[in-house]
Structures are given as C-alpha cells and as structure tokens.
All heavy atoms as atom14 arrays in JSON, in Angstrom:
{
  "sequence": "RDNGKNTLYLQMNSLKPEDTAIYYCAANYGYRLSAELRD",
  "atom14_mask": [
    [1, 1, 1, 1, 1, 1, 1, 1, 1, 1, 1, 0, 0, 0],
    [1, 1, 1, 1, 1, 1, 1, 1, 0, 0, 0, 0, 0, 0],
    [1, 1, 1, 1, 1, 1, 1, 1, 0, 0, 0, 0, 0, 0],
    [1, 1, 1, 1, 0, 0, 0, 0, 0, 0, 0, 0, 0, 0],
    [1, 1, 1, 1, 1, 1, 1, 1, 1, 0, 0, 0, 0, 0],
    [1, 1, 1, 1, 1, 1, 1, 1, 0, 0, 0, 0, 0, 0],
    [1, 1, 1, 1, 1, 1, 1, 0, 0, 0, 0, 0, 0, 0],
    [1, 1, 1, 1, 1, 1, 1, 1, 0, 0, 0, 0, 0, 0],
    [1, 1, 1, 1, 1, 1, 1, 1, 1, 1, 1, 1, 0, 0],
    [1, 1, 1, 1, 1, 1, 1, 1, 0, 0, 0, 0, 0, 0],
    [1, 1, 1, 1, 1, 1, 1, 1, 1, 0, 0, 0, 0, 0],
    [1, 1, 1, 1, 1, 1, 1, 1, 0, 0, 0, 0, 0, 0],
    [1, 1, 1, 1, 1, 1, 1, 1, 0, 0, 0, 0, 0, 0],
    [1, 1, 1, 1, 1, 1, 0, 0, 0, 0, 0, 0, 0, 0],
    [1, 1, 1, 1, 1, 1, 1, 1, 0, 0, 0, 0, 0, 0],
    [1, 1, 1, 1, 1, 1, 1, 1, 1, 0, 0, 0, 0, 0],
    [1, 1, 1, 1, 1, 1, 1, 0, 0, 0, 0, 0, 0, 0],
    [1, 1, 1, 1, 1, 1, 1, 1, 1, 0, 0, 0, 0, 0],
    [1, 1, 1, 1, 1, 1, 1, 1, 0, 0, 0, 0, 0, 0],
    [1, 1, 1, 1, 1, 1, 1, 0, 0, 0, 0, 0, 0, 0],
    [1, 1, 1, 1, 1, 0, 0, 0, 0, 0, 0, 0, 0, 0],
    [1, 1, 1, 1, 1, 1, 1, 1, 0, 0, 0, 0, 0, 0],
    [1, 1, 1, 1, 1, 1, 1, 1, 1, 1, 1, 1, 0, 0],
    [1, 1, 1, 1, 1, 1, 1, 1, 1, 1, 1, 1, 0, 0],
    [1, 1, 1, 1, 1, 1, 0, 0, 0, 0, 0, 0, 0, 0],
    [1, 1, 1, 1, 1, 0, 0, 0, 0, 0, 0, 0, 0, 0],
    [1, 1, 1, 1, 1, 0, 0, 0, 0, 0, 0, 0, 0, 0],
    [1, 1, 1, 1, 1, 1, 1, 1, 0, 0, 0, 0, 0, 0],
    [1, 1, 1, 1, 1, 1, 1, 1, 1, 1, 1, 1, 0, 0],
    [1, 1, 1, 1, 0, 0, 0, 0, 0, 0, 0, 0, 0, 0],
    [1, 1, 1, 1, 1, 1, 1, 1, 1, 1, 1, 1, 0, 0],
    [1, 1, 1, 1, 1, 1, 1, 1, 1, 1, 1, 0, 0, 0],
    [1, 1, 1, 1, 1, 1, 1, 1, 0, 0, 0, 0, 0, 0],
    [1, 1, 1, 1, 1, 1, 0, 0, 0, 0, 0, 0, 0, 0],
    [1, 1, 1, 1, 1, 0, 0, 0, 0, 0, 0, 0, 0, 0],
    [1, 1, 1, 1, 1, 1, 1, 1, 1, 0, 0, 0, 0, 0],
    [1, 1, 1, 1, 1, 1, 1, 1, 0, 0, 0, 0, 0, 0],
    [1, 1, 1, 1, 1, 1, 1, 1, 1, 1, 1, 0, 0, 0],
    [1, 1, 1, 1, 1, 1, 1, 1, 0, 0, 0, 0, 0, 0]
  ],
  "atom14_positions": [
    [[0.83, -1.19, 0.0], [0.0, 0.0, 0.0], [0.87, 1.24, 0.0], [1.96, 1.26, 0.55], [-0.96, 0.01, 1.19], [-0.29, 0.02, 2.55], [-1.3, -0.18, 3.67], [-2.19, 0.97, 3.83], [-3.3, 0.96, 4.57], [-3.66, -0.15, 5.22], [-4.03, 2.06, 4.66], [0.0, 0.0, 0.0], [0.0, 0.0, 0.0], [0.0, 0.0, 0.0]],
    [[0.34, 2.27, -0.62], [0.99, 3.57, -0.65], [0.0, 4.55, -0.06], [-0.92, 5.02, -0.73], [1.36, 3.96, -2.08], [2.17, 5.24, -2.15], [2.1, 6.06, -1.22], [2.89, 5.43, -3.14], [0.0, 0.0, 0.0], [0.0, 0.0, 0.0], [0.0, 0.0, 0.0], [0.0, 0.0, 0.0], [0.0, 0.0, 0.0], [0.0, 0.0, 0.0]],
    [[0.18, 4.85, 1.22], [-0.77, 5.73, 1.89], [-0.74, 7.15, 1.34], [-1.74, 7.86, 1.41], [-0.49, 5.74, 3.4], [-0.88, 4.44, 4.07], [-1.63, 3.64, 3.5], [-0.38, 4.21, 5.28], [0.0, 0.0, 0.0], [0.0, 0.0, 0.0], [0.0, 0.0, 0.0], [0.0, 0.0, 0.0], [0.0, 0.0, 0.0], [0.0, 0.0, 0.0]],
    [[0.4, 7.56, 0.81], [0.48, 8.87, 0.2], [-0.4, 9.0, -1.03], [-0.88, 10.09, -1.35], [0.0, 0.0, 0.0], [0.0, 0.0, 0.0], [0.0, 0.0, 0.0], [0.0, 0.0, 0.0], [0.0, 0.0, 0.0], [0.0, 0.0, 0.0], [0.0, 0.0, 0.0], [0.0, 0.0, 0.0], [0.0, 0.0, 0.0], [0.0, 0.0, 0.0]],
    [[-0.63, 7.89, -1.72], [-1.48, 7.86, -2.91], [-2.85, 7.26, -2.63], [-3.65, 7.11, -3.56], [-0.8, 7.09, -4.03], [0.49, 7.72, -4.52], [1.08, 6.92, -5.67], [2.34, 7.57, -6.2], [2.94, 6.79, -7.31], [0.0, 0.0, 0.0], [0.0, 0.0, 0.0], [0.0, 0.0, 0.0], [0.0, 0.0, 0.0], [0.0, 0.0, 0.0]],
    [[-3.1, 6.9, -1.4], [-4.37, 6.28, -1.02], [-4.68, 5.06, -1.9], [-5.8, 4.88, -2.37], [-5.52, 7.28, -1.12], [-5.58, 8.23, 0.05], [-4.76, 8.17, 0.97], [-6.56, 9.12, 0.05], [0.0, 0.0, 0.0], [0.0, 0.0, 0.0], [0.0, 0.0, 0.0], [0.0, 0.0, 0.0], [0.0, 0.0, 0.0], [0.0, 0.0, 0.0]],
    [[-3.69, 4.23, -2.09], [-3.83, 3.11, -3.0], [-3.3, 1.82, -2.4], [-2.22, 1.81, -1.79], [-3.11, 3.38, -4.33], [-3.63, 4.59, -4.91], [-3.34, 2.25, -5.31], [0.0, 0.0, 0.0], [0.0, 0.0, 0.0], [0.0, 0.0, 0.0], [0.0, 0.0, 0.0], [0.0, 0.0, 0.0], [0.0, 0.0, 0.0], [0.0, 0.0, 0.0]],
    [[-4.04, 0.76, -2.6], [-3.66, -0.58, -2.22], [-3.35, -1.37, -3.49], [-4.06, -1.23, -4.49], [-4.8, -1.25, -1.46], [-4.64, -2.7, -1.03], [-3.61, -2.8, 0.09], [-5.98, -3.27, -0.6], [0.0, 0.0, 0.0], [0.0, 0.0, 0.0], [0.0, 0.0, 0.0], [0.0, 0.0, 0.0], [0.0, 0.0, 0.0], [0.0, 0.0, 0.0]],
    [[-2.33, -2.22, -3.44], [-1.92, -2.98, -4.61], [-1.91, -4.48, -4.33], [-1.71, -4.91, -3.19], [-0.52, -2.57, -5.06], [-0.37, -1.12, -5.4], [0.17, -0.22, -4.48], [-0.77, -0.63, -6.64], [0.31, 1.12, -4.79], [-0.63, 0.71, -6.96], [-0.09, 1.58, -6.03], [0.04, 2.91, -6.34], [0.0, 0.0, 0.0], [0.0, 0.0, 0.0]],
    [[-2.08, -5.23, -5.39], [-1.89, -6.66, -5.33], [-1.12, -7.09, -6.57], [-1.65, -7.07, -7.68], [-3.23, -7.41, -5.26], [-3.12, -8.93, -5.22], [-2.37, -9.39, -3.98], [-4.5, -9.57, -5.28], [0.0, 0.0, 0.0], [0.0, 0.0, 0.0], [0.0, 0.0, 0.0], [0.0, 0.0, 0.0], [0.0, 0.0, 0.0], [0.0, 0.0, 0.0]],
    [[0.13, -7.46, -6.37], [0.95, -7.98, -7.45], [0.77, -9.49, -7.49], [1.04, -10.17, -6.51], [2.42, -7.63, -7.23], [3.36, -8.18, -8.29], [3.12, -7.56, -9.65], [3.0, -6.35, -9.77], [3.06, -8.39, -10.68], [0.0, 0.0, 0.0], [0.0, 0.0, 0.0], [0.0, 0.0, 0.0], [0.0, 0.0, 0.0], [0.0, 0.0, 0.0]],
    [[0.33, -10.0, -8.62], [0.05, -11.41, -8.78], [0.98, -11.99, -9.84], [0.91, -11.59, -11.01], [-1.4, -11.65, -9.16], [-2.39, -11.04, -8.18], [-4.12, -11.44, -8.59], [-4.27, -10.55, -10.14], [0.0, 0.0, 0.0], [0.0, 0.0, 0.0], [0.0, 0.0, 0.0], [0.0, 0.0, 0.0], [0.0, 0.0, 0.0], [0.0, 0.0, 0.0]],
    [[1.82, -12.91, -9.44], [2.74, -13.57, -10.35], [2.41, -15.05, -10.44], [1.74, -15.61, -9.58], [4.19, -13.39, -9.87], [4.62, -11.95, -9.83], [4.19, -11.13, -10.64], [5.51, -11.62, -8.89], [0.0, 0.0, 0.0], [0.0, 0.0, 0.0], [0.0, 0.0, 0.0], [0.0, 0.0, 0.0], [0.0, 0.0, 0.0], [0.0, 0.0, 0.0]],
    [[2.92, -15.67, -11.48], [2.72, -17.11, -11.67], [1.26, -17.49, -11.53], [0.91, -18.44, -10.82], [3.58, -17.89, -10.69], [4.95, -17.59, -10.85], [0.0, 0.0, 0.0], [0.0, 0.0, 0.0], [0.0, 0.0, 0.0], [0.0, 0.0, 0.0], [0.0, 0.0, 0.0], [0.0, 0.0, 0.0], [0.0, 0.0, 0.0], [0.0, 0.0, 0.0]],
    [[0.41, -16.78, -12.2], [-1.02, -17.0, -12.07], [-1.43, -18.38, -12.57], [-0.86, -18.91, -13.53], [-1.79, -15.93, -12.82], [-1.86, -14.58, -12.11], [-2.24, -13.47, -13.07], [-2.86, -14.65, -10.95], [0.0, 0.0, 0.0], [0.0, 0.0, 0.0], [0.0, 0.0, 0.0], [0.0, 0.0, 0.0], [0.0, 0.0, 0.0], [0.0, 0.0, 0.0]],
    [[-2.41, -18.94, -11.9], [-2.94, -20.25, -12.21], [-4.43, -20.14, -12.54], [-5.09, -19.21, -12.1], [-2.77, -21.19, -11.02], [-1.34, -21.33, -10.52], [-1.3, -22.19, -9.27], [0.11, -22.33, -8.76], [0.16, -23.17, -7.52], [0.0, 0.0, 0.0], [0.0, 0.0, 0.0], [0.0, 0.0, 0.0], [0.0, 0.0, 0.0], [0.0, 0.0, 0.0]],
    [[-4.96, -21.09, -13.29], [-6.4, -21.07, -13.55], [-7.24, -21.02, -12.27], [-8.32, -20.43, -12.27], [-6.63, -22.37, -14.32], [-5.34, -22.61, -15.03], [-4.28, -22.16, -14.06], [0.0, 0.0, 0.0], [0.0, 0.0, 0.0], [0.0, 0.0, 0.0], [0.0, 0.0, 0.0], [0.0, 0.0, 0.0], [0.0, 0.0, 0.0], [0.0, 0.0, 0.0]],
    [[-6.75, -21.61, -11.21], [-7.45, -21.6, -9.93], [-7.56, -20.21, -9.33], [-8.34, -20.0, -8.39], [-6.75, -22.52, -8.92], [-6.52, -23.93, -9.42], [-5.16, -24.1, -10.05], [-4.2, -24.44, -9.32], [-5.05, -23.91, -11.28], [0.0, 0.0, 0.0], [0.0, 0.0, 0.0], [0.0, 0.0, 0.0], [0.0, 0.0, 0.0], [0.0, 0.0, 0.0]],
    [[-6.79, -19.26, -9.84], [-6.85, -17.88, -9.36], [-7.99, -17.1, -10.0], [-8.24, -15.96, -9.61], [-5.53, -17.15, -9.63], [-4.36, -17.76, -8.88], [-4.52, -18.11, -7.7], [-3.28, -17.89, -9.49], [0.0, 0.0, 0.0], [0.0, 0.0, 0.0], [0.0, 0.0, 0.0], [0.0, 0.0, 0.0], [0.0, 0.0, 0.0], [0.0, 0.0, 0.0]],
    [[-8.65, -17.68, -10.97], [-9.75, -17.0, -11.65], [-10.86, -16.67, -10.66], [-11.38, -17.55, -9.98], [-10.3, -17.87, -12.78], [-9.29, -18.04, -13.79], [-11.52, -17.22, -13.42], [0.0, 0.0, 0.0], [0.0, 0.0, 0.0], [0.0, 0.0, 0.0], [0.0, 0.0, 0.0], [0.0, 0.0, 0.0], [0.0, 0.0, 0.0], [0.0, 0.0, 0.0]],
    [[-11.21, -15.4, -10.59], [-12.22, -14.94, -9.64], [-12.42, -13.45, -9.81], [-11.66, -12.78, -10.51], [-11.79, -15.25, -8.2], [0.0, 0.0, 0.0], [0.0, 0.0, 0.0], [0.0, 0.0, 0.0], [0.0, 0.0, 0.0], [0.0, 0.0, 0.0], [0.0, 0.0, 0.0], [0.0, 0.0, 0.0], [0.0, 0.0, 0.0], [0.0, 0.0, 0.0]],
    [[-13.44, -12.94, -9.16], [-13.55, -11.51, -8.97], [-12.76, -11.15, -7.72], [-12.95, -11.75, -6.67], [-15.02, -11.07, -8.81], [-15.82, -11.45, -10.05], [-15.1, -9.57, -8.59], [-17.3, -11.17, -9.93], [0.0, 0.0, 0.0], [0.0, 0.0, 0.0], [0.0, 0.0, 0.0], [0.0, 0.0, 0.0], [0.0, 0.0, 0.0], [0.0, 0.0, 0.0]],
    [[-11.9, -10.17, -7.85], [-11.07, -9.75, -6.74], [-11.59, -8.45, -6.16], [-11.84, -7.49, -6.88], [-9.62, -9.58, -7.21], [-8.9, -10.89, -7.38], [-9.22, -11.74, -8.42], [-7.91, -11.29, -6.47], [-8.58, -12.97, -8.57], [-7.27, -12.5, -6.62], [-7.61, -13.33, -7.66], [-6.96, -14.54, -7.8], [0.0, 0.0, 0.0], [0.0, 0.0, 0.0]],
    [[-11.73, -8.45, -4.85], [-12.26, -7.3, -4.13], [-11.23, -6.78, -3.14], [-10.58, -7.56, -2.45], [-13.5, -7.68, -3.33], [-14.65, -8.21, -4.14], [-14.77, -9.57, -4.4], [-15.64, -7.36, -4.61], [-15.83, -10.07, -5.13], [-16.71, -7.85, -5.34], [-16.8, -9.2, -5.59], [-17.87, -9.68, -6.31], [0.0, 0.0, 0.0], [0.0, 0.0, 0.0]],
    [[-11.1, -5.48, -3.06], [-10.35, -4.9, -1.97], [-11.32, -4.51, -0.87], [-12.49, -4.23, -1.11], [-9.51, -3.71, -2.41], [-10.42, -2.29, -3.06], [0.0, 0.0, 0.0], [0.0, 0.0, 0.0], [0.0, 0.0, 0.0], [0.0, 0.0, 0.0], [0.0, 0.0, 0.0], [0.0, 0.0, 0.0], [0.0, 0.0, 0.0], [0.0, 0.0, 0.0]],
    [[-10.82, -4.51, 0.35], [-11.66, -4.23, 1.5], [-10.86, -3.47, 2.55], [-9.63, -3.56, 2.59], [-12.19, -5.54, 2.1], [0.0, 0.0, 0.0], [0.0, 0.0, 0.0], [0.0, 0.0, 0.0], [0.0, 0.0, 0.0], [0.0, 0.0, 0.0], [0.0, 0.0, 0.0], [0.0, 0.0, 0.0], [0.0, 0.0, 0.0], [0.0, 0.0, 0.0]],
    [[-11.57, -2.75, 3.4], [-10.92, -1.95, 4.42], [-11.71, -1.96, 5.71], [-12.94, -2.0, 5.71], [-10.74, -0.51, 3.93], [0.0, 0.0, 0.0], [0.0, 0.0, 0.0], [0.0, 0.0, 0.0], [0.0, 0.0, 0.0], [0.0, 0.0, 0.0], [0.0, 0.0, 0.0], [0.0, 0.0, 0.0], [0.0, 0.0, 0.0], [0.0, 0.0, 0.0]],
    [[-10.98, -1.91, 6.81], [-11.56, -1.8, 8.14], [-10.81, -0.75, 8.93], [-9.58, -0.66, 8.83], [-11.51, -3.13, 8.88], [-12.86, -3.79, 9.05], [-13.88, -3.25, 8.65], [-12.86, -4.96, 9.65], [0.0, 0.0, 0.0], [0.0, 0.0, 0.0], [0.0, 0.0, 0.0], [0.0, 0.0, 0.0], [0.0, 0.0, 0.0], [0.0, 0.0, 0.0]],
    [[-11.53, -0.01, 9.72], [-10.91, 1.04, 10.51], [-10.01, 0.46, 11.58], [-10.41, -0.44, 12.32], [-11.98, 1.92, 11.15], [-11.43, 3.08, 11.93], [-10.99, 4.23, 11.28], [-11.34, 3.04, 13.31], [-10.48, 5.3, 11.99], [-10.83, 4.1, 14.03], [-10.4, 5.23, 13.36], [-9.89, 6.29, 14.07], [0.0, 0.0, 0.0], [0.0, 0.0, 0.0]],
    [[-8.8, 0.98, 11.67], [-7.9, 0.63, 12.74], [-7.18, -0.68, 12.54], [-7.28, -1.34, 11.5], [0.0, 0.0, 0.0], [0.0, 0.0, 0.0], [0.0, 0.0, 0.0], [0.0, 0.0, 0.0], [0.0, 0.0, 0.0], [0.0, 0.0, 0.0], [0.0, 0.0, 0.0], [0.0, 0.0, 0.0], [0.0, 0.0, 0.0], [0.0, 0.0, 0.0]],
    [[-6.46, -1.07, 13.56], [-5.74, -2.34, 13.56], [-6.7, -3.49, 13.82], [-7.69, -3.35, 14.52], [-4.65, -2.35, 14.62], [-3.45, -1.51, 14.29], [-3.28, -0.25, 14.86], [-2.48, -1.98, 13.42], [-2.17, 0.52, 14.55], [-1.37, -1.22, 13.11], [-1.22, 0.03, 13.68], [-0.11, 0.8, 13.37], [0.0, 0.0, 0.0], [0.0, 0.0, 0.0]],
    [[-6.37, -4.64, 13.26], [-7.16, -5.83, 13.45], [-6.24, -7.02, 13.66], [-5.11, -7.04, 13.16], [-8.07, -6.1, 12.24], [-9.15, -5.04, 12.03], [-10.22, -5.15, 13.12], [-11.34, -4.26, 12.86], [-11.41, -3.02, 13.3], [-10.42, -2.5, 14.03], [-12.47, -2.27, 13.03], [0.0, 0.0, 0.0], [0.0, 0.0, 0.0], [0.0, 0.0, 0.0]],
    [[-6.74, -8.0, 14.38], [-6.01, -9.24, 14.55], [-5.95, -9.99, 13.23], [-6.8, -9.82, 12.37], [-6.66, -10.11, 15.61], [-6.73, -9.54, 17.02], [-7.52, -10.46, 17.92], [-5.33, -9.31, 17.57], [0.0, 0.0, 0.0], [0.0, 0.0, 0.0], [0.0, 0.0, 0.0], [0.0, 0.0, 0.0], [0.0, 0.0, 0.0], [0.0, 0.0, 0.0]],
    [[-4.95, -10.82, 13.08], [-4.78, -11.56, 11.84], [-6.0, -12.4, 11.5], [-6.38, -12.52, 10.33], [-3.54, -12.44, 11.9], [-3.63, -13.39, 12.94], [0.0, 0.0, 0.0], [0.0, 0.0, 0.0], [0.0, 0.0, 0.0], [0.0, 0.0, 0.0], [0.0, 0.0, 0.0], [0.0, 0.0, 0.0], [0.0, 0.0, 0.0], [0.0, 0.0, 0.0]],
    [[-6.64, -12.98, 12.51], [-7.82, -13.79, 12.26], [-8.96, -12.95, 11.69], [-9.72, -13.41, 10.84], [-8.27, -14.48, 13.55], [0.0, 0.0, 0.0], [0.0, 0.0, 0.0], [0.0, 0.0, 0.0], [0.0, 0.0, 0.0], [0.0, 0.0, 0.0], [0.0, 0.0, 0.0], [0.0, 0.0, 0.0], [0.0, 0.0, 0.0], [0.0, 0.0, 0.0]],
    [[-9.08, -11.72, 12.16], [-10.1, -10.83, 11.65], [-9.82, -10.41, 10.22], [-10.75, -10.27, 9.41], [-10.21, -9.59, 12.54], [-10.7, -9.87, 13.94], [-10.72, -8.63, 14.8], [-9.64, -8.02, 14.96], [-11.8, -8.26, 15.31], [0.0, 0.0, 0.0], [0.0, 0.0, 0.0], [0.0, 0.0, 0.0], [0.0, 0.0, 0.0], [0.0, 0.0, 0.0]],
    [[-8.58, -10.22, 9.89], [-8.2, -9.81, 8.55], [-8.42, -10.92, 7.53], [-8.47, -10.65, 6.33], [-6.75, -9.36, 8.52], [-6.44, -8.1, 9.33], [-4.94, -7.83, 9.32], [-7.2, -6.91, 8.78], [0.0, 0.0, 0.0], [0.0, 0.0, 0.0], [0.0, 0.0, 0.0], [0.0, 0.0, 0.0], [0.0, 0.0, 0.0], [0.0, 0.0, 0.0]],
    [[-8.55, -12.14, 7.97], [-8.8, -13.27, 7.09], [-10.28, -13.57, 6.89], [-10.63, -14.44, 6.1], [-8.11, -14.53, 7.64], [-6.59, -14.45, 7.63], [-5.97, -15.66, 8.32], [-4.51, -15.58, 8.3], [-3.74, -16.08, 7.35], [-4.29, -16.73, 6.32], [-2.43, -15.96, 7.41], [0.0, 0.0, 0.0], [0.0, 0.0, 0.0], [0.0, 0.0, 0.0]],
    [[-11.12, -12.84, 7.58], [-12.56, -13.09, 7.57], [-13.28, -11.94, 6.86], [-13.32, -10.82, 7.38], [-13.05, -13.24, 9.0], [-14.52, -13.59, 9.09], [-15.18, -13.71, 8.04], [-15.01, -13.74, 10.23], [0.0, 0.0, 0.0], [0.0, 0.0, 0.0], [0.0, 0.0, 0.0], [0.0, 0.0, 0.0], [0.0, 0.0, 0.0], [0.0, 0.0, 0.0]]
  ]
}
C-alpha cells in the first residue's frame, strides 16, 4: 500500500487457472487481529 497515494496494490505472479475470480479490496478502521483480517 501507498498511503500517500491512497492506493492498495496486489501484485500477482505465476497466475494459475485456480486464481480465476472476482477480486475485491476491503478496508476496516484501525488495527485488526490476523484472524479478523482473514474473515
């Protein structure tokens, strides 16, 4: 992420057919536990 540009990035290499999907970015206010960030 580049907070100066208000932008989040996802660099995807070695893509596989199993990666086919709609990709969504998401945000939550403040810090979160790792378990919360996976949900």
